[in-house]
PDB file of N, CA and C in Angstrom:
ATOM      1  N   MET A   1      25.446 -20.009 -21.739  1.00  0.00           N
ATOM      2  CA  MET A   1      25.863 -19.262 -20.563  1.00  0.00           C
ATOM      3  C   MET A   1      25.612 -20.128 -19.334  1.00  0.00           C
ATOM      4  N   ASP A   2      26.672 -20.505 -18.665  1.00  0.00           N
ATOM      5  CA  ASP A   2      26.582 -21.334 -17.476  1.00  0.00           C
ATOM      6  C   ASP A   2      26.837 -20.460 -16.254  1.00  0.00           C
ATOM      7  N   VAL A   3      25.806 -20.278 -15.420  1.00  0.00           N
ATOM      8  CA  VAL A   3      25.915 -19.444 -14.230  1.00  0.00           C
ATOM      9  C   VAL A   3      25.507 -20.268 -13.014  1.00  0.00           C
ATOM     10  N   THR A   4      26.365 -20.301 -12.004  1.00  0.00           N
ATOM     11  CA  THR A   4      26.022 -20.971 -10.754  1.00  0.00           C
ATOM     12  C   THR A   4      25.894 -19.933  -9.651  1.00  0.00           C
ATOM     13  N   PHE A   5      24.899 -20.129  -8.797  1.00  0.00           N
ATOM     14  CA  PHE A   5      24.626 -19.195  -7.710  1.00  0.00           C
ATOM     15  C   PHE A   5      24.847 -19.884  -6.376  1.00  0.00           C
ATOM     16  N   ARG A   6      25.455 -19.153  -5.441  1.00  0.00           N
ATOM     17  CA  ARG A   6      25.602 -19.615  -4.062  1.00  0.00           C
ATOM     18  C   ARG A   6      25.136 -18.502  -3.144  1.00  0.00           C
ATOM     19  N   TYR A   7      24.388 -18.888  -2.139  1.00  0.00           N
ATOM     20  CA  TYR A   7      23.906 -17.940  -1.138  1.00  0.00           C
ATOM     21  C   TYR A   7      24.489 -18.335   0.215  1.00  0.00           C
ATOM     22  N   VAL A   8      25.208 -17.411   0.830  1.00  0.00           N
ATOM     23  CA  VAL A   8      25.835 -17.657   2.121  1.00  0.00           C
ATOM     24  C   VAL A   8      25.104 -16.812   3.162  1.00  0.00           C
ATOM     25  N   ASP A   9      24.391 -17.479   4.067  1.00  0.00           N
ATOM     26  CA  ASP A   9      23.617 -16.814   5.122  1.00  0.00           C
ATOM     27  C   ASP A   9      22.582 -15.842   4.568  1.00  0.00           C
ATOM     28  N   VAL A  10      22.067 -16.136   3.367  1.00  0.00           N
ATOM     29  CA  VAL A  10      21.055 -15.300   2.715  1.00  0.00           C
ATOM     30  C   VAL A  10      20.009 -16.241   2.127  1.00  0.00           C
ATOM     31  N   ASP A  11      18.739 -15.820   2.161  1.00  0.00           N
ATOM     32  CA  ASP A  11      17.686 -16.622   1.548  1.00  0.00           C
ATOM     33  C   ASP A  11      17.804 -16.582   0.033  1.00  0.00           C
ATOM     34  N   ILE A  12      17.501 -17.704  -0.606  1.00  0.00           N
ATOM     35  CA  ILE A  12      17.570 -17.802  -2.064  1.00  0.00           C
ATOM     36  C   ILE A  12      16.473 -16.951  -2.685  1.00  0.00           C
ATOM     37  N   SER A  13      16.831 -16.183  -3.707  1.00  0.00           N
ATOM     38  CA  SER A  13      15.890 -15.289  -4.365  1.00  0.00           C
ATOM     39  C   SER A  13      15.920 -15.536  -5.875  1.00  0.00           C
ATOM     40  N   GLU A  14      14.793 -15.985  -6.426  1.00  0.00           N
ATOM     41  CA  GLU A  14      14.707 -16.211  -7.866  1.00  0.00           C
ATOM     42  C   GLU A  14      14.749 -14.887  -8.636  1.00  0.00           C
ATOM     43  N   THR A  15      14.174 -13.828  -8.077  1.00  0.00           N
ATOM     44  CA  THR A  15      14.205 -12.534  -8.771  1.00  0.00           C
ATOM     45  C   THR A  15      15.625 -12.002  -8.854  1.00  0.00           C
ATOM     46  N   LEU A  16      16.406 -12.217  -7.795  1.00  0.00           N
ATOM     47  CA  LEU A  16      17.813 -11.799  -7.816  1.00  0.00           C
ATOM     48  C   LEU A  16      18.598 -12.638  -8.813  1.00  0.00           C
ATOM     49  N   ASN A  17      18.288 -13.929  -8.899  1.00  0.00           N
ATOM     50  CA  ASN A  17      18.931 -14.791  -9.894  1.00  0.00           C
ATOM     51  C   ASN A  17      18.649 -14.289 -11.305  1.00  0.00           C
ATOM     52  N   GLU A  18      17.383 -13.983 -11.602  1.00  0.00           N
ATOM     53  CA  GLU A  18      17.015 -13.516 -12.939  1.00  0.00           C
ATOM     54  C   GLU A  18      17.656 -12.163 -13.252  1.00  0.00           C
ATOM     55  N   PHE A  19      17.672 -11.263 -12.278  1.00  0.00           N
ATOM     56  CA  PHE A  19      18.301  -9.954 -12.469  1.00  0.00           C
ATOM     57  C   PHE A  19      19.782 -10.123 -12.800  1.00  0.00           C
ATOM     58  N   THR A  20      20.455 -11.005 -12.067  1.00  0.00           N
ATOM     59  CA  THR A  20      21.884 -11.227 -12.287  1.00  0.00           C
ATOM     60  C   THR A  20      22.133 -11.903 -13.629  1.00  0.00           C
ATOM     61  N   ARG A  21      21.309 -12.878 -13.987  1.00  0.00           N
ATOM     62  CA  ARG A  21      21.444 -13.535 -15.302  1.00  0.00           C
ATOM     63  C   ARG A  21      21.273 -12.532 -16.444  1.00  0.00           C
ATOM     64  N   GLU A  22      20.317 -11.634 -16.292  1.00  0.00           N
ATOM     65  CA  GLU A  22      20.084 -10.623 -17.329  1.00  0.00           C
ATOM     66  C   GLU A  22      21.315  -9.735 -17.511  1.00  0.00           C
ATOM     67  N   LYS A  23      21.892  -9.298 -16.405  1.00  0.00           N
ATOM     68  CA  LYS A  23      23.084  -8.444 -16.474  1.00  0.00           C
ATOM     69  C   LYS A  23      24.284  -9.216 -17.032  1.00  0.00           C
ATOM     70  N   LEU A  24      24.436 -10.467 -16.614  1.00  0.00           N
ATOM     71  CA  LEU A  24      25.557 -11.264 -17.096  1.00  0.00           C
ATOM     72  C   LEU A  24      25.408 -11.638 -18.564  1.00  0.00           C
ATOM     73  N   SER A  25      24.172 -11.805 -19.029  1.00  0.00           N
ATOM     74  CA  SER A  25      23.969 -12.177 -20.433  1.00  0.00           C
ATOM     75  C   SER A  25      24.507 -11.103 -21.371  1.00  0.00           C
ATOM     76  N   LYS A  26      24.439  -9.853 -20.951  1.00  0.00           N
ATOM     77  CA  LYS A  26      24.999  -8.767 -21.765  1.00  0.00           C
ATOM     78  C   LYS A  26      26.518  -8.934 -21.897  1.00  0.00           C
ATOM     79  N   LEU A  27      27.171  -9.329 -20.805  1.00  0.00           N
ATOM     80  CA  LEU A  27      28.615  -9.571 -20.870  1.00  0.00           C
ATOM     81  C   LEU A  27      28.926 -10.769 -21.757  1.00  0.00           C
ATOM     82  N   PHE A  28      28.152 -11.855 -21.607  1.00  0.00           N
ATOM     83  CA  PHE A  28      28.391 -13.064 -22.398  1.00  0.00           C
ATOM     84  C   PHE A  28      28.170 -12.803 -23.884  1.00  0.00           C
ATOM     85  N   ASN A  29      27.215 -11.927 -24.223  1.00  0.00           N
ATOM     86  CA  ASN A  29      26.978 -11.585 -25.628  1.00  0.00           C
ATOM     87  C   ASN A  29      28.090 -10.704 -26.189  1.00  0.00           C
ATOM     88  N   ARG A  30      28.618  -9.823 -25.374  1.00  0.00           N
ATOM     89  CA  ARG A  30      29.646  -8.888 -25.832  1.00  0.00           C
ATOM     90  C   ARG A  30      31.022  -9.548 -25.911  1.00  0.00           C
ATOM     91  N   TYR A  31      31.304 -10.454 -24.985  1.00  0.00           N
ATOM     92  CA  TYR A  31      32.617 -11.103 -24.930  1.00  0.00           C
ATOM     93  C   TYR A  31      32.418 -12.596 -25.148  1.00  0.00           C
ATOM     94  N   GLU A  32      32.610 -13.035 -26.388  1.00  0.00           N
ATOM     95  CA  GLU A  32      32.304 -14.414 -26.780  1.00  0.00           C
ATOM     96  C   GLU A  32      33.250 -15.442 -26.170  1.00  0.00           C
ATOM     97  N   PHE A  33      34.368 -15.030 -25.611  1.00  0.00           N
ATOM     98  CA  PHE A  33      35.327 -15.974 -25.046  1.00  0.00           C
ATOM     99  C   PHE A  33      35.001 -16.382 -23.608  1.00  0.00           C
ATOM    100  N   LEU A  34      33.934 -15.850 -23.013  1.00  0.00           N
ATOM    101  CA  LEU A  34      33.547 -16.222 -21.653  1.00  0.00           C
ATOM    102  C   LEU A  34      32.977 -17.638 -21.624  1.00  0.00           C
ATOM    103  N   ILE A  35      33.326 -18.391 -20.602  1.00  0.00           N
ATOM    104  CA  ILE A  35      32.880 -19.773 -20.486  1.00  0.00           C
ATOM    105  C   ILE A  35      31.758 -19.904 -19.464  1.00  0.00           C
ATOM    106  N   SER A  36      31.984 -19.437 -18.235  1.00  0.00           N
ATOM    107  CA  SER A  36      30.975 -19.563 -17.190  1.00  0.00           C
ATOM    108  C   SER A  36      31.173 -18.487 -16.130  1.00  0.00           C
ATOM    109  N   ALA A  37      30.185 -18.407 -15.227  1.00  0.00           N
ATOM    110  CA  ALA A  37      30.246 -17.441 -14.137  1.00  0.00           C
ATOM    111  C   ALA A  37      29.809 -18.115 -12.843  1.00  0.00           C
ATOM    112  N   ALA A  38      30.474 -17.771 -11.762  1.00  0.00           N
ATOM    113  CA  ALA A  38      30.098 -18.236 -10.428  1.00  0.00           C
ATOM    114  C   ALA A  38      29.764 -17.003  -9.598  1.00  0.00           C
ATOM    115  N   VAL A  39      28.527 -16.948  -9.113  1.00  0.00           N
ATOM    116  CA  VAL A  39      28.041 -15.783  -8.376  1.00  0.00           C
ATOM    117  C   VAL A  39      27.788 -16.202  -6.935  1.00  0.00           C
ATOM    118  N   ARG A  40      28.241 -15.377  -6.003  1.00  0.00           N
ATOM    119  CA  ARG A  40      28.024 -15.661  -4.583  1.00  0.00           C
ATOM    120  C   ARG A  40      27.469 -14.413  -3.909  1.00  0.00           C
ATOM    121  N   PHE A  41      26.371 -14.595  -3.203  1.00  0.00           N
ATOM    122  CA  PHE A  41      25.773 -13.519  -2.420  1.00  0.00           C
ATOM    123  C   PHE A  41      25.952 -13.852  -0.947  1.00  0.00           C
ATOM    124  N   LYS A  42      26.386 -12.861  -0.195  1.00  0.00           N
ATOM    125  CA  LYS A  42      26.508 -13.058   1.246  1.00  0.00           C
ATOM    126  C   LYS A  42      26.215 -11.755   1.964  1.00  0.00           C
ATOM    127  N   LYS A  43      25.974 -11.883   3.251  1.00  0.00           N
ATOM    128  CA  LYS A  43      25.626 -10.723   4.066  1.00  0.00           C
ATOM    129  C   LYS A  43      26.673 -10.565   5.151  1.00  0.00           C
ATOM    130  N   ASP A  44      27.150  -9.332   5.324  1.00  0.00           N
ATOM    131  CA  ASP A  44      28.116  -9.017   6.367  1.00  0.00           C
ATOM    132  C   ASP A  44      27.342  -8.460   7.558  1.00  0.00           C
ATOM    133  N   GLU A  45      27.266  -9.230   8.613  1.00  0.00           N
ATOM    134  CA  GLU A  45      26.501  -8.827   9.797  1.00  0.00           C
ATOM    135  C   GLU A  45      27.153  -7.659  10.546  1.00  0.00           C
ATOM    136  N   ASN A  46      28.450  -7.461  10.367  1.00  0.00           N
ATOM    137  CA  ASN A  46      29.165  -6.412  11.092  1.00  0.00           C
ATOM    138  C   ASN A  46      28.981  -5.035  10.484  1.00  0.00           C
ATOM    139  N   SER A  47      28.534  -4.969   9.246  1.00  0.00           N
ATOM    140  CA  SER A  47      28.347  -3.685   8.582  1.00  0.00           C
ATOM    141  C   SER A  47      26.917  -3.204   8.807  1.00  0.00           C
ATOM    142  N   HIS A  48      26.767  -1.971   9.276  1.00  0.00           N
ATOM    143  CA  HIS A  48      25.438  -1.440   9.566  1.00  0.00           C
ATOM    144  C   HIS A  48      24.860  -0.643   8.404  1.00  0.00           C
ATOM    145  N   THR A  49      25.703  -0.067   7.551  1.00  0.00           N
ATOM    146  CA  THR A  49      25.199   0.738   6.443  1.00  0.00           C
ATOM    147  C   THR A  49      25.146  -0.034   5.142  1.00  0.00           C
ATOM    148  N   LYS A  50      26.113  -0.888   4.912  1.00  0.00           N
ATOM    149  CA  LYS A  50      26.137  -1.661   3.672  1.00  0.00           C
ATOM    150  C   LYS A  50      25.932  -3.124   4.036  1.00  0.00           C
ATOM    151  N   GLY A  51      26.840  -3.998   3.665  1.00  0.00           N
ATOM    152  CA  GLY A  51      26.772  -5.373   4.124  1.00  0.00           C
ATOM    153  C   GLY A  51      26.192  -6.365   3.149  1.00  0.00           C
ATOM    154  N   LYS A  52      25.699  -5.932   1.980  1.00  0.00           N
ATOM    155  CA  LYS A  52      25.187  -6.841   0.961  1.00  0.00           C
ATOM    156  C   LYS A  52      26.296  -7.048  -0.062  1.00  0.00           C
ATOM    157  N   ILE A  53      26.919  -8.229  -0.032  1.00  0.00           N
ATOM    158  CA  ILE A  53      28.115  -8.483  -0.823  1.00  0.00           C
ATOM    159  C   ILE A  53      27.793  -9.409  -1.987  1.00  0.00           C
ATOM    160  N   CYS A  54      28.303  -9.045  -3.166  1.00  0.00           N
ATOM    161  CA  CYS A  54      28.172  -9.869  -4.366  1.00  0.00           C
ATOM    162  C   CYS A  54      29.571 -10.138  -4.904  1.00  0.00           C
ATOM    163  N   ASP A  55      29.906 -11.429  -5.040  1.00  0.00           N
ATOM    164  CA  ASP A  55      31.179 -11.853  -5.634  1.00  0.00           C
ATOM    165  C   ASP A  55      30.861 -12.551  -6.944  1.00  0.00           C
ATOM    166  N   ILE A  56      31.558 -12.186  -8.010  1.00  0.00           N
ATOM    167  CA  ILE A  56      31.384 -12.862  -9.296  1.00  0.00           C
ATOM    168  C   ILE A  56      32.764 -13.241  -9.823  1.00  0.00           C
ATOM    169  N   GLU A  57      32.878 -14.500 -10.216  1.00  0.00           N
ATOM    170  CA  GLU A  57      34.106 -15.002 -10.824  1.00  0.00           C
ATOM    171  C   GLU A  57      33.776 -15.507 -12.219  1.00  0.00           C
ATOM    172  N   LEU A  58      34.478 -14.972 -13.218  1.00  0.00           N
ATOM    173  CA  LEU A  58      34.258 -15.377 -14.602  1.00  0.00           C
ATOM    174  C   LEU A  58      35.355 -16.328 -15.045  1.00  0.00           C
ATOM    175  N   SER A  59      34.939 -17.389 -15.692  1.00  0.00           N
ATOM    176  CA  SER A  59      35.875 -18.360 -16.236  1.00  0.00           C
ATOM    177  C   SER A  59      36.042 -18.086 -17.726  1.00  0.00           C
ATOM    178  N   LEU A  60      37.286 -17.990 -18.170  1.00  0.00           N
ATOM    179  CA  LEU A  60      37.611 -17.708 -19.558  1.00  0.00           C
ATOM    180  C   LEU A  60      38.995 -18.261 -19.834  1.00  0.00           C
ATOM    181  N   PRO A  61      39.432 -18.303 -21.085  1.00  0.00           N
ATOM    182  CA  PRO A  61      40.787 -18.780 -21.366  1.00  0.00           C
ATOM    183  C   PRO A  61      41.819 -17.914 -20.634  1.00  0.00           C
ATOM    184  N   GLY A  62      42.745 -18.559 -19.990  1.00  0.00           N
ATOM    185  CA  GLY A  62      43.731 -17.825 -19.199  1.00  0.00           C
ATOM    186  C   GLY A  62      43.257 -17.707 -17.764  1.00  0.00           C
ATOM    187  N   PRO A  63      43.815 -16.771 -17.015  1.00  0.00           N
ATOM    188  CA  PRO A  63      43.418 -16.603 -15.617  1.00  0.00           C
ATOM    189  C   PRO A  63      41.959 -16.153 -15.488  1.00  0.00           C
ATOM    190  N   ARG A  64      41.331 -16.589 -14.427  1.00  0.00           N
ATOM    191  CA  ARG A  64      39.943 -16.183 -14.166  1.00  0.00           C
ATOM    192  C   ARG A  64      39.905 -14.728 -13.717  1.00  0.00           C
ATOM    193  N   ILE A  65      38.754 -14.121 -13.911  1.00  0.00           N
ATOM    194  CA  ILE A  65      38.555 -12.734 -13.511  1.00  0.00           C
ATOM    195  C   ILE A  65      37.579 -12.720 -12.344  1.00  0.00           C
ATOM    196  N   PHE A  66      37.886 -11.930 -11.318  1.00  0.00           N
ATOM    197  CA  PHE A  66      37.078 -11.889 -10.109  1.00  0.00           C
ATOM    198  C   PHE A  66      36.819 -10.438  -9.723  1.00  0.00           C
ATOM    199  N   ALA A  67      35.593 -10.183  -9.247  1.00  0.00           N
ATOM    200  CA  ALA A  67      35.265  -8.858  -8.717  1.00  0.00           C
ATOM    201  C   ALA A  67      34.259  -9.026  -7.584  1.00  0.00           C
ATOM    202  N   THR A  68      34.285  -8.098  -6.662  1.00  0.00           N
ATOM    203  CA  THR A  68      33.355  -8.112  -5.539  1.00  0.00           C
ATOM    204  C   THR A  68      32.963  -6.685  -5.199  1.00  0.00           C
ATOM    205  N   SER A  69      31.777  -6.528  -4.626  1.00  0.00           N
ATOM    206  CA  SER A  69      31.372  -5.211  -4.151  1.00  0.00           C
ATOM    207  C   SER A  69      30.460  -5.365  -2.944  1.00  0.00           C
ATOM    208  N   ASP A  70      30.460  -4.348  -2.119  1.00  0.00           N
ATOM    209  CA  ASP A  70      29.699  -4.318  -0.877  1.00  0.00           C
ATOM    210  C   ASP A  70      28.842  -3.053  -0.910  1.00  0.00           C
ATOM    211  N   GLU A  71      27.540  -3.222  -1.044  1.00  0.00           N
ATOM    212  CA  GLU A  71      26.639  -2.086  -1.159  1.00  0.00           C
ATOM    213  C   GLU A  71      25.465  -2.225  -0.191  1.00  0.00           C
ATOM    214  N   HIS A  72      24.519  -1.292  -0.270  1.00  0.00           N
ATOM    215  CA  HIS A  72      23.376  -1.304   0.646  1.00  0.00           C
ATOM    216  C   HIS A  72      22.264  -2.258   0.216  1.00  0.00           C
ATOM    217  N   ASN A  73      22.224  -2.670  -1.063  1.00  0.00           N
ATOM    218  CA  ASN A  73      21.320  -3.749  -1.486  1.00  0.00           C
ATOM    219  C   ASN A  73      21.975  -4.569  -2.587  1.00  0.00           C
ATOM    220  N   TYR A  74      21.423  -5.749  -2.839  1.00  0.00           N
ATOM    221  CA  TYR A  74      22.091  -6.697  -3.739  1.00  0.00           C
ATOM    222  C   TYR A  74      22.060  -6.256  -5.197  1.00  0.00           C
ATOM    223  N   GLU A  75      21.007  -5.576  -5.634  1.00  0.00           N
ATOM    224  CA  GLU A  75      20.941  -5.141  -7.031  1.00  0.00           C
ATOM    225  C   GLU A  75      22.050  -4.142  -7.348  1.00  0.00           C
ATOM    226  N   VAL A  76      22.271  -3.214  -6.455  1.00  0.00           N
ATOM    227  CA  VAL A  76      23.353  -2.238  -6.647  1.00  0.00           C
ATOM    228  C   VAL A  76      24.700  -2.939  -6.598  1.00  0.00           C
ATOM    229  N   SER A  77      24.814  -3.894  -5.718  1.00  0.00           N
ATOM    230  CA  SER A  77      26.055  -4.649  -5.598  1.00  0.00           C
ATOM    231  C   SER A  77      26.351  -5.433  -6.876  1.00  0.00           C
ATOM    232  N   VAL A  78      25.313  -6.041  -7.475  1.00  0.00           N
ATOM    233  CA  VAL A  78      25.488  -6.770  -8.736  1.00  0.00           C
ATOM    234  C   VAL A  78      25.926  -5.818  -9.837  1.00  0.00           C
ATOM    235  N   ARG A  79      25.271  -4.675  -9.956  1.00  0.00           N
ATOM    236  CA  ARG A  79      25.637  -3.703 -11.000  1.00  0.00           C
ATOM    237  C   ARG A  79      27.081  -3.249 -10.850  1.00  0.00           C
ATOM    238  N   GLN A  80      27.492  -2.944  -9.629  1.00  0.00           N
ATOM    239  CA  GLN A  80      28.862  -2.470  -9.393  1.00  0.00           C
ATOM    240  C   GLN A  80      29.881  -3.559  -9.720  1.00  0.00           C
ATOM    241  N   THR A  81      29.581  -4.782  -9.325  1.00  0.00           N
ATOM    242  CA  THR A  81      30.495  -5.895  -9.601  1.00  0.00           C
ATOM    243  C   THR A  81      30.633  -6.119 -11.102  1.00  0.00           C
ATOM    244  N   ILE A  82      29.524  -6.068 -11.825  1.00  0.00           N
ATOM    245  CA  ILE A  82      29.572  -6.276 -13.273  1.00  0.00           C
ATOM    246  C   ILE A  82      30.307  -5.132 -13.961  1.00  0.00           C
ATOM    247  N   ASN A  83      30.165  -3.914 -13.466  1.00  0.00           N
ATOM    248  CA  ASN A  83      30.943  -2.801 -14.017  1.00  0.00           C
ATOM    249  C   ASN A  83      32.440  -3.034 -13.835  1.00  0.00           C
ATOM    250  N   ASP A  84      32.829  -3.533 -12.668  1.00  0.00           N
ATOM    251  CA  ASP A  84      34.242  -3.833 -12.418  1.00  0.00           C
ATOM    252  C   ASP A  84      34.731  -4.947 -13.340  1.00  0.00           C
ATOM    253  N   LEU A  85      33.894  -5.969 -13.537  1.00  0.00           N
ATOM    254  CA  LEU A  85      34.268  -7.065 -14.426  1.00  0.00           C
ATOM    255  C   LEU A  85      34.412  -6.583 -15.864  1.00  0.00           C
ATOM    256  N   GLU A  86      33.509  -5.716 -16.288  1.00  0.00           N
ATOM    257  CA  GLU A  86      33.577  -5.227 -17.666  1.00  0.00           C
ATOM    258  C   GLU A  86      34.855  -4.445 -17.909  1.00  0.00           C
ATOM    259  N   ARG A  87      35.282  -3.680 -16.933  1.00  0.00           N
ATOM    260  CA  ARG A  87      36.543  -2.944 -17.046  1.00  0.00           C
ATOM    261  C   ARG A  87      37.712  -3.916 -17.229  1.00  0.00           C
ATOM    262  N   GLN A  88      37.708  -5.003 -16.464  1.00  0.00           N
ATOM    263  CA  GLN A  88      38.764  -6.008 -16.592  1.00  0.00           C
ATOM    264  C   GLN A  88      38.687  -6.730 -17.937  1.00  0.00           C
ATOM    265  N   LEU A  89      37.467  -7.001 -18.400  1.00  0.00           N
ATOM    266  CA  LEU A  89      37.297  -7.698 -19.681  1.00  0.00           C
ATOM    267  C   LEU A  89      37.770  -6.851 -20.857  1.00  0.00           C
ATOM    268  N   LYS A  90      37.568  -5.536 -20.788  1.00  0.00           N
ATOM    269  CA  LYS A  90      38.061  -4.655 -21.856  1.00  0.00           C
ATOM    270  C   LYS A  90      39.576  -4.741 -21.958  1.00  0.00           C
ATOM    271  N   LYS A  91      40.246  -4.760 -20.814  1.00  0.00           N
ATOM    272  CA  LYS A  91      41.701  -4.889 -20.810  1.00  0.00           C
ATOM    273  C   LYS A  91      42.122  -6.243 -21.376  1.00  0.00           C
ATOM    274  N   ARG A  92      41.405  -7.296 -20.990  1.00  0.00           N
ATOM    275  CA  ARG A  92      41.733  -8.640 -21.466  1.00  0.00           C
ATOM    276  C   ARG A  92      41.510  -8.750 -22.967  1.00  0.00           C
ATOM    277  N   LYS A  93      40.452  -8.130 -23.468  1.00  0.00           N
ATOM    278  CA  LYS A  93      40.162  -8.194 -24.896  1.00  0.00           C
ATOM    279  C   LYS A  93      41.269  -7.509 -25.690  1.00  0.00           C
ATOM    280  N   GLN A  94      41.832  -6.425 -25.163  1.00  0.00           N
ATOM    281  CA  GLN A  94      42.942  -5.755 -25.830  1.00  0.00           C
ATOM    282  C   GLN A  94      44.148  -6.683 -25.937  1.00  0.00           C
ATOM    283  N   ILE A  95      44.370  -7.478 -24.933  1.00  0.00           N
ATOM    284  CA  ILE A  95      45.480  -8.448 -24.955  1.00  0.00           C
ATOM    285  C   ILE A  95      45.232  -9.481 -26.042  1.00  0.00           C
ATOM    286  N   TYR A  96      43.984  -9.971 -26.158  1.00  0.00           N
ATOM    287  CA  TYR A  96      43.662 -10.970 -27.184  1.00  0.00           C
ATOM    288  C   TYR A  96      43.813 -10.397 -28.580  1.00  0.00           C
ATOM    289  N   LYS A  97      43.510  -9.124 -28.762  1.00  0.00           N
ATOM    290  CA  LYS A  97      43.599  -8.522 -30.096  1.00  0.00           C
ATOM    291  C   LYS A  97      45.043  -8.382 -30.554  1.00  0.00           C
ATOM    292  N   THR A  98      45.975  -8.181 -29.630  1.00  0.00           N
ATOM    293  CA  THR A  98      47.365  -7.985 -30.021  1.00  0.00           C
ATOM    294  C   THR A  98      48.069  -9.284 -30.377  1.00  0.00           C
ATOM    295  N   HIS A  99      47.501 -10.423 -30.009  1.00  0.00           N
ATOM    296  CA  HIS A  99      48.143 -11.711 -30.304  1.00  0.00           C
ATOM    297  C   HIS A  99      47.565 -12.373 -31.502  1.00  0.00           C
TER     298      HIS A  99
END
C-alpha cells in the first residue's frame, strides 16, 4: 500500500497519517486492484463552521478515482471521503466482474 500525504497550510500530524492509513488499508484489503493513494489535507480559511478538507485520489487500472469532503474536523472528513470512494469502487468492481 503506497500512500502519500500532502498538507496545505496545515501542520503535519502523524496521528492523522496513521488514522488515514488504517482507514485506507481496509479499502486496499477489500479491493486488490488498488495501486496507490494520494491524500491531501487543507484548511479553508473562509469557512467558519467547516473548513477541514480531505482530498483522496486512488490510482488503479483505468481512470483514477477522486473524492473530497469538507467537514468540521479532519477525522470526519477522512471517513466521509473514504465512504465516497468505497461507493465508487463498488461500481468499478461491478464493471471488472462483467468483463
